[in-house]
Protein backbone atom coordinates (compact mmCIF):
# COMPACT_ATOMS: atom_id res chain seq x y z
CA MET A 1 -11.55 -12.59 5.67
CA PHE A 2 -10.00 -9.53 6.27
CA ASP A 3 -10.10 -8.39 10.01
CA PRO A 4 -8.90 -4.94 11.02
CA LEU A 5 -8.93 -5.41 14.57
CA ASN A 6 -6.36 -8.55 14.04
CA PHE A 7 -4.40 -6.61 11.51
CA CYS A 8 -0.94 -5.17 12.49
CA GLY A 9 0.97 -3.03 9.95
CA LYS A 10 4.36 -4.54 9.45
CA VAL A 11 7.82 -3.75 7.56
CA ILE A 12 9.74 -7.30 6.90
CA LEU A 13 12.95 -7.75 6.34
CA GLN A 14 13.80 -10.37 4.09
CA ASP A 15 15.64 -13.46 5.66
CA GLY A 16 19.52 -13.28 5.34
CA PHE A 17 19.12 -9.12 4.73
CA TYR A 18 22.14 -8.25 7.30
CA GLU A 19 24.22 -11.50 6.54
CA LEU A 20 24.53 -10.09 2.92
CA PHE A 21 26.09 -7.11 3.93
CA ASN A 22 28.51 -8.85 6.14
CA LYS A 23 29.86 -10.79 3.22
CA LEU A 24 30.26 -7.68 1.18
CA LYS A 25 32.36 -5.99 4.01
CA ASN A 26 34.82 -8.47 3.04
CA SER A 27 34.79 -8.76 -0.50
CA GLU A 28 36.83 -6.48 -2.59
CA ILE A 29 33.86 -4.95 -4.31
CA LYS A 30 32.85 -1.15 -4.10
CA LEU A 31 29.42 0.22 -4.79
CA PRO A 32 28.39 3.85 -5.33
CA GLU A 33 27.53 5.70 -2.07
CA ASP A 34 24.10 7.25 -4.17
CA PRO A 35 21.68 5.06 -5.86
CA GLU A 36 19.12 5.80 -8.57
CA ILE A 37 15.47 5.46 -7.11
CA ILE A 38 12.97 4.12 -9.41
CA GLY A 39 9.52 2.79 -9.22
CA GLU A 40 10.11 -0.36 -10.96
CA PHE A 41 12.04 -1.96 -13.78
CA ARG A 42 9.73 -2.13 -17.03
CA PHE A 43 10.20 -3.16 -20.36
CA GLU A 44 7.39 -2.29 -22.60
CA PRO A 45 8.35 -3.35 -26.46
CA LEU A 46 6.35 -1.92 -29.11
CA ASP A 47 3.50 -4.24 -29.84
CA ASP A 48 4.23 -6.96 -32.35
CA ILE A 49 1.21 -6.71 -34.39
CA ASP A 50 2.12 -10.04 -36.63
CA GLY A 51 2.15 -12.14 -33.74
CA THR A 52 -1.19 -10.68 -32.13
CA THR A 53 -4.68 -10.67 -32.49
CA LEU A 54 -6.86 -7.68 -31.55
CA SER A 55 -10.78 -7.86 -31.29
CA TYR A 56 -13.83 -5.85 -29.93
CA VAL A 57 -15.34 -7.54 -26.77
CA ASP A 58 -18.86 -8.53 -27.36
CA GLU A 59 -20.34 -6.80 -24.70
CA ASP A 60 -19.47 -3.26 -25.79
CA PHE A 61 -20.87 -1.97 -29.17
CA GLU A 62 -20.23 1.70 -29.04
CA GLU A 63 -16.54 3.24 -29.50
CA LYS A 64 -16.98 4.90 -26.23
CA TYR A 65 -18.86 4.97 -23.01
CA SER A 66 -19.25 7.50 -20.12
CA LEU A 67 -18.06 6.61 -16.78
CA ASP A 68 -19.90 7.26 -13.56
CA PRO A 69 -17.73 8.28 -10.51
CA TYR A 70 -20.89 8.45 -8.27
CA ASN A 71 -21.65 4.65 -8.86
CA GLY A 72 -17.93 4.24 -8.42
CA GLU A 73 -18.30 5.92 -4.99
CA LYS A 74 -21.12 3.42 -4.43
CA VAL A 75 -18.93 0.69 -5.06
CA TYR A 76 -16.26 2.12 -2.57
CA LYS A 77 -18.36 2.17 0.20
CA GLU A 78 -20.20 -0.97 -0.18
CA SER A 79 -19.51 -2.92 3.03
CA SER A 80 -18.37 -5.90 0.79
CA THR A 81 -15.75 -3.80 -1.17
CA LEU A 82 -12.21 -4.31 0.08
CA ILE A 83 -9.34 -2.91 -2.39
CA SER A 84 -5.87 -3.49 -2.17
CA ALA A 85 -2.98 -1.90 -4.08
CA TYR A 86 0.59 -2.98 -4.73
CA ASP A 87 3.83 -0.75 -5.69
CA GLU A 88 7.32 -1.08 -5.20
CA SER A 89 10.18 1.24 -4.93
CA ILE A 90 13.83 0.39 -5.98
CA ALA A 91 17.25 2.09 -5.22
CA LYS A 92 19.65 0.64 -7.68
CA TYR A 93 23.39 1.00 -7.41
CA ALA A 94 25.54 0.03 -10.30
CA ALA A 95 28.82 -1.42 -9.88
CA LEU A 96 31.36 -2.73 -12.40
CA GLU A 97 31.03 -6.11 -10.99
CA CYS A 98 27.09 -6.50 -10.66
CA LYS A 99 24.13 -4.44 -10.08
CA MET A 100 22.51 -3.98 -6.59
CA LEU A 101 19.06 -3.47 -5.79
CA TYR A 102 17.22 -2.59 -2.45
CA VAL A 103 13.60 -3.49 -3.09
CA SER A 104 10.60 -2.10 -0.97
CA HIS A 105 7.62 -4.30 -1.82
CA SER A 106 4.27 -2.15 -0.67
CA LEU A 107 0.72 -3.88 -0.44
CA ILE A 108 -1.92 -1.45 1.19
CA THR A 109 -5.39 -2.64 1.94
CA LEU A 110 -7.94 -0.26 2.00
CA TYR A 111 -10.88 -0.86 4.41
CA LYS A 112 -13.54 1.72 5.44
CA ASP A 113 -11.42 4.53 4.95
CA ASN A 114 -8.56 3.11 6.45
CA TYR A 115 -5.08 1.92 5.24
CA TYR A 116 -3.35 -0.97 6.41
CA PRO A 117 0.19 -1.72 5.13
CA VAL A 118 2.60 -4.78 4.71
CA ASN A 119 6.15 -3.80 3.35
CA LEU A 120 8.90 -6.06 2.58
CA LEU A 121 12.56 -4.89 2.36
CA ALA A 122 14.97 -7.15 0.10
CA PRO A 123 18.34 -6.52 -1.22
CA MET A 124 19.36 -8.22 -4.17
CA ILE A 125 22.88 -8.55 -5.98
CA VAL A 126 22.64 -9.74 -9.73
CA THR A 127 26.08 -10.23 -11.99
CA ALA A 128 27.16 -12.04 -14.56
CA SER A 129 30.43 -13.15 -12.90
CA GLU A 130 30.44 -16.40 -11.80
CA LYS A 131 33.51 -15.61 -9.52
CA ILE A 132 31.27 -12.80 -7.48
CA PHE A 133 28.30 -15.42 -7.50
CA LYS A 134 30.53 -18.00 -5.94
CA GLU A 135 31.82 -15.58 -3.37
CA LEU A 136 28.48 -13.93 -2.33
CA SER A 137 25.80 -16.64 -2.79
CA GLU A 138 26.49 -19.18 -0.08
CA LYS A 139 23.27 -19.05 2.34
CA ASN A 140 21.98 -16.09 0.35
CA GLU A 141 20.98 -17.84 -2.80
CA HIS A 142 17.61 -16.06 -2.78
CA GLN A 143 19.35 -12.84 -2.75
CA VAL A 144 22.45 -13.15 -5.07
CA PHE A 145 21.48 -14.40 -8.57
CA LEU A 146 23.67 -15.23 -11.40
CA ASN A 147 22.60 -14.10 -15.08
CA THR A 148 23.17 -17.03 -17.35
CA GLU A 149 20.82 -15.96 -20.10
CA LYS A 150 22.97 -14.50 -23.07
CA LYS A 151 19.94 -12.60 -24.53
CA TRP A 152 19.37 -10.97 -21.00
CA SER A 153 20.95 -8.12 -19.80
CA VAL A 154 21.66 -8.00 -15.84
CA ASP A 155 18.91 -5.42 -15.53
CA GLN A 156 16.40 -7.93 -17.22
CA LYS A 157 17.71 -10.82 -14.70
CA ALA A 158 16.95 -8.43 -11.88
CA ASN A 159 13.50 -7.76 -13.55
CA VAL A 160 12.59 -11.31 -13.57
CA GLU A 161 13.79 -12.00 -10.07
CA VAL A 162 12.09 -8.66 -8.61
CA ALA A 163 8.68 -10.12 -10.15
CA LYS A 164 9.20 -13.62 -8.27
CA GLN A 165 9.63 -11.51 -5.17
CA LYS A 166 6.60 -9.77 -5.75
CA ARG A 167 4.58 -12.80 -6.59
CA GLU A 168 5.64 -14.53 -3.58
CA PHE A 169 5.05 -11.55 -1.32
CA LEU A 170 1.49 -11.04 -2.84
CA GLU A 171 0.65 -14.44 -2.59
CA LYS A 172 1.26 -14.59 1.22
CA HIS A 173 -0.34 -11.14 2.01
CA ILE A 174 -3.17 -10.64 -0.29
CA HIS A 175 -6.63 -11.16 1.05
CA GLU A 176 -9.42 -12.94 -0.12
CA LYS A 177 -12.11 -11.08 -2.37
CA THR A 178 -10.09 -7.98 -3.30
CA ILE A 179 -9.96 -5.81 -5.66
CA LEU A 180 -5.95 -5.65 -6.49
CA LEU A 181 -4.75 -2.23 -7.97
CA ILE A 182 -1.15 -2.99 -9.61
CA ASP A 183 0.98 0.03 -11.40
CA GLY A 184 1.98 -0.88 -14.55
CA PRO A 185 1.13 -3.24 -17.56
CA PHE A 186 0.11 -6.76 -17.28
CA ILE A 187 1.64 -8.54 -20.17
CA ALA A 188 4.43 -6.10 -20.61
CA GLY A 189 7.09 -5.48 -18.20
CA ASP A 190 6.76 -8.34 -14.98
CA GLY A 191 3.05 -8.09 -14.59
CA TYR A 192 2.37 -11.50 -17.02
CA ALA A 193 5.46 -13.29 -15.51
CA THR A 194 3.90 -12.59 -11.59
CA PHE A 195 0.04 -13.05 -12.48
CA LYS A 196 0.72 -16.51 -14.46
CA ALA A 197 2.63 -18.01 -11.70
CA ILE A 198 0.19 -17.00 -9.06
CA LYS A 199 -3.15 -17.14 -11.21
CA LYS A 200 -4.52 -20.24 -9.33
CA THR A 201 -4.29 -18.21 -6.12
CA LEU A 202 -5.89 -15.22 -7.30
CA ILE A 203 -8.84 -17.16 -8.73
CA ASP A 204 -8.97 -19.54 -5.50
CA LYS A 205 -9.02 -16.31 -3.21
CA ASN A 206 -11.76 -14.69 -5.60
CA ILE A 207 -9.30 -11.82 -6.48
CA PHE A 208 -9.78 -9.34 -9.27
CA PRO A 209 -6.50 -7.81 -10.52
CA VAL A 210 -6.77 -4.18 -12.17
CA PHE A 211 -3.67 -3.07 -14.04
CA ILE A 212 -3.17 0.81 -14.56
CA VAL A 213 -0.83 2.03 -17.15
CA LYS A 214 0.61 5.56 -17.79
CA ASN A 215 2.71 7.03 -20.46
CA SER A 216 2.06 4.14 -22.71
CA GLU A 217 3.90 4.33 -26.31
CA SER A 218 1.51 1.35 -27.53
CA ASP A 219 -0.10 1.64 -30.93
CA LEU A 220 -1.66 -1.56 -31.02
CA ILE A 221 -4.89 0.04 -31.87
CA THR A 222 -4.10 2.22 -34.36
CA ARG A 223 -1.86 -0.43 -36.31
CA SER A 224 -4.44 -2.95 -36.03
CA ILE A 225 -7.75 -1.17 -37.04
CA ARG A 226 -7.91 0.07 -40.67
CA GLU A 227 -9.81 3.11 -40.08
CA TYR A 228 -7.00 4.58 -37.66
CA ARG A 229 -4.16 3.40 -39.41
CA GLY A 230 -1.73 6.21 -40.37
CA GLN A 231 -4.05 8.73 -38.59
CA TYR A 232 -2.64 8.77 -35.20
CA ASN A 233 0.79 8.67 -33.82
CA SER A 234 -0.15 6.34 -30.80
CA ASP A 235 -3.24 4.80 -29.27
CA LEU A 236 -2.75 7.58 -26.57
CA HIS A 237 -3.04 10.16 -29.30
CA LEU A 238 -6.07 8.36 -30.83
CA VAL A 239 -8.00 8.12 -27.48
CA ASN A 240 -7.29 11.44 -26.58
CA GLU A 241 -8.71 12.98 -29.67
CA ILE A 242 -11.83 10.64 -29.48
CA LEU A 243 -12.75 10.81 -25.60
CA LYS A 244 -14.04 13.46 -23.53
CA THR A 245 -13.15 13.85 -19.92
CA GLY A 246 -14.98 11.17 -17.77
CA GLU A 247 -15.02 8.94 -20.83
CA ARG A 248 -13.59 5.33 -21.73
CA THR A 249 -13.21 3.42 -25.01
CA ARG A 250 -15.11 0.40 -25.59
CA LEU A 251 -13.14 -3.09 -24.41
CA TYR A 252 -10.67 -4.41 -26.71
CA ASN A 253 -9.14 -8.04 -26.31
CA TYR A 254 -5.43 -8.75 -27.21
CA THR A 255 -4.33 -12.10 -27.71
CA ASP A 256 -0.84 -13.18 -28.44
CA SER A 257 -1.30 -15.79 -31.36
CA HIS A 258 2.19 -17.59 -30.43
CA LYS A 259 1.19 -17.90 -26.94
CA GLU A 260 -2.59 -17.91 -26.66
CA ASP A 261 -2.71 -17.75 -22.66
CA ASN A 262 -1.01 -14.42 -22.95
CA THR A 263 -4.14 -12.22 -23.34
CA LYS A 264 -5.86 -9.56 -21.80
CA VAL A 265 -8.76 -6.99 -22.20
CA PHE A 266 -8.33 -3.21 -22.20
CA CYS A 267 -9.68 0.13 -22.56
CA TYR A 268 -8.39 3.63 -22.14
CA ILE A 269 -10.00 6.36 -19.97
CA LYS A 270 -9.59 10.20 -20.24
CA PHE A 271 -9.38 11.50 -16.48
CA SER A 272 -8.72 15.27 -17.66
CA ASP A 273 -7.92 17.21 -20.74
CA ARG A 274 -4.70 18.43 -18.89
CA SER A 275 -3.67 14.38 -18.50
CA SER A 276 -2.83 11.86 -21.04
CA PRO A 277 -5.42 9.03 -20.69
CA ILE A 278 -4.82 6.15 -18.88
CA ARG A 279 -5.10 2.43 -19.84
CA ILE A 280 -6.64 -0.18 -17.81
CA GLU A 281 -5.89 -3.97 -18.38
CA ILE A 282 -7.41 -6.98 -16.96
CA PRO A 283 -6.33 -10.45 -17.54
CA THR A 284 -8.82 -12.27 -20.06
CA GLU A 285 -9.56 -15.13 -17.70
CA ILE A 286 -10.54 -13.00 -14.76
CA TYR A 287 -12.46 -10.54 -17.11
CA GLU A 288 -14.46 -14.14 -18.11
CA MET A 289 -15.04 -14.90 -14.74
CA ASN A 290 -16.24 -11.45 -13.76
CA LYS A 291 -17.69 -9.76 -16.82
CA PHE A 292 -20.65 -8.37 -15.31
CA SER A 293 -18.69 -6.52 -12.60
CA VAL A 294 -16.26 -4.95 -14.97
CA ARG A 295 -18.25 -1.96 -15.60
CA LYS A 296 -18.53 -0.82 -11.86
CA ILE A 297 -14.82 -1.67 -11.24
CA LEU A 298 -13.89 0.78 -14.13
CA ASP A 299 -16.48 3.24 -12.34
CA LEU A 300 -14.54 2.55 -9.33
CA VAL A 301 -10.95 2.95 -10.75
CA TYR A 302 -12.05 6.59 -12.13
CA TYR A 303 -13.58 7.65 -8.68
CA LEU A 304 -10.30 6.70 -6.91
CA ILE A 305 -8.30 8.59 -9.71
CA LEU A 306 -10.75 11.59 -9.44
CA VAL A 307 -10.21 11.38 -5.37
CA GLN A 308 -6.40 11.62 -5.79
CA GLY A 309 -6.71 14.67 -8.22
CA ASP A 310 -3.41 14.69 -9.42
CA TYR A 311 -3.32 16.39 -12.93
CA ARG A 312 0.39 16.23 -13.40
CA ASN A 313 0.50 12.60 -12.29
CA PRO A 314 -2.71 10.90 -12.31
CA GLN A 315 -2.97 7.74 -10.42
CA ALA A 316 -5.67 5.92 -8.38
CA ARG A 317 -5.34 7.01 -4.57
CA PRO A 318 -4.55 3.32 -3.20
CA ILE A 319 -1.85 2.96 -5.65
CA ALA A 320 -0.46 6.54 -4.64
CA VAL A 321 -0.25 5.58 -1.10
CA ALA A 322 1.13 2.32 -1.49
CA GLU A 323 3.73 4.03 -3.60
CA LYS A 324 4.54 6.55 -0.47
CA TYR A 325 4.79 3.50 1.68
CA ALA A 326 7.55 1.97 -0.86
CA ARG A 327 9.54 5.23 -1.25
CA GLU A 328 9.51 5.89 2.70
CA THR A 329 10.04 2.39 4.08
CA LEU A 330 13.33 2.38 1.90
CA ARG A 331 14.43 5.10 4.37
CA LEU A 332 13.98 3.08 7.61
CA ILE A 333 17.42 1.34 7.34
CA ASP A 334 20.71 3.25 6.42
CA PHE A 335 21.34 1.07 3.25
CA LYS A 336 24.12 3.76 2.36
CA LYS A 337 25.85 3.29 5.16
CA MET A 338 25.88 -0.51 4.56
CA VAL A 339 26.96 0.13 0.98
CA ARG A 340 29.66 2.35 1.96
CA ALA A 341 31.05 -0.69 4.15
CA SER A 342 31.28 -3.18 0.87
CA ASN A 343 33.93 -2.53 -1.73
CA PHE A 344 32.18 -2.44 -4.95
CA THR A 345 33.78 -0.33 -7.97
CA PRO A 346 31.08 2.41 -8.67
CA THR A 347 30.83 2.77 -12.56
CA ILE A 348 31.69 6.49 -13.51
CA ASN A 349 28.24 7.40 -14.46
CA GLU A 350 27.23 6.23 -10.68
CA GLU A 351 30.01 8.32 -9.49
CA ARG A 352 28.50 11.15 -11.49
CA GLY A 353 24.92 10.72 -10.09
CA MET A 354 24.06 9.57 -14.10
CA GLU A 355 23.27 5.79 -13.84
CA HIS A 356 19.52 5.22 -15.13
CA GLY A 357 17.53 2.12 -15.18
C-alpha cells in the first residue's frame, strides 16, 4: 500500500558508480566530451504481416468510439487510483573502443495531485572488444558488457542491457495496485523484453501497464484489413482520417503466430487535429484480466493527455513529469568531467557533435 507520509523521494547511484570511472582514468580509452541525449533506444521494425494475426476484440463492435475526459477525471480523483509513470533519459558517448551510456531511470508516483519521484543513475559500457571488456569488467560486471551476438550491433546490446536495468528498477520500486504508464511500444523496442521478465511481479502486485506510442510507422491495420489495403500510407494516416478529436478506434488484438505469448491489445486515440494520433497498447494477458476496466483506463489516459495540453508533443502528464525528472537528474553529477578524465578515443562524428542513436 502506498503511504505518502513514509515516502522519501530519492536519487540512487548504481553500485560501483565511481569505481568504473577510476578504471577509465587508468585506461587508454578516450571518450568525447559532449554526449548525445536521447529519450531511449528504440527499434520499431516494420510489421511482419506474414507472421502475425490481427483480429477485432469481441467487446468492440463499432469502428470508433468517443472518449470521455470527464469520466477520466473522475477515475483520476478516485481515492483508490494510484498512477505511476516511467521514462528514461540517456547520455550516449561513442568512442572507437566502445559505447558508453549514462542512464537515468525515472519512476514517479502520482497520488492526490502530488508527485513522488525515484531515480536511478547508472553508467554502462558496451563493447565488442574482449580486451576492453577484460580490462574494465572486473568488479563492475553489472556495468561493462561484451557484445558477442553476431546479429546484434553494440547499440542493440545496449538496448537489451538498459531493458534489464529497467526491469530490476521497476520490480523494486513500483507499488501495488498501480496504473503504470510507459512511454514507448510494448512489443517493439525493449517493452516486451522488460514485461515478459517481470510479468508475474506485475500480475501479483495488480499492476496495469499501459504503453503510449507516438510517431509510429506501423501499417499493421492497413495491410491486414482488406478494405484498407492500398488506401492509406500507414495506420496513422488511416486513423487520422476516420477519427474526430476525442475519439478512439476499436480495440485490435495482435498476436505473433511464431511466438504466441508475444501478443497485445491496442487502439489509436486522436487528441487534436493539430497532432498525430497516439497508439495505446496493453499486454493481452493484462487486458483479459481487466477487460471491464479498460474503457475507464482509456478515458483516464485521454484526460491526462488533455491536462498536459501539449499539441506539439502530446503526452500523458505523468510521463512528461517522469521525463523531466529523468533529464534533470542526469545533471546532478558532472558526468562530462568524469568522461574527460578517461582516455577513450571519440569518433569523428562525436567530435563534430553529429553522432546519432
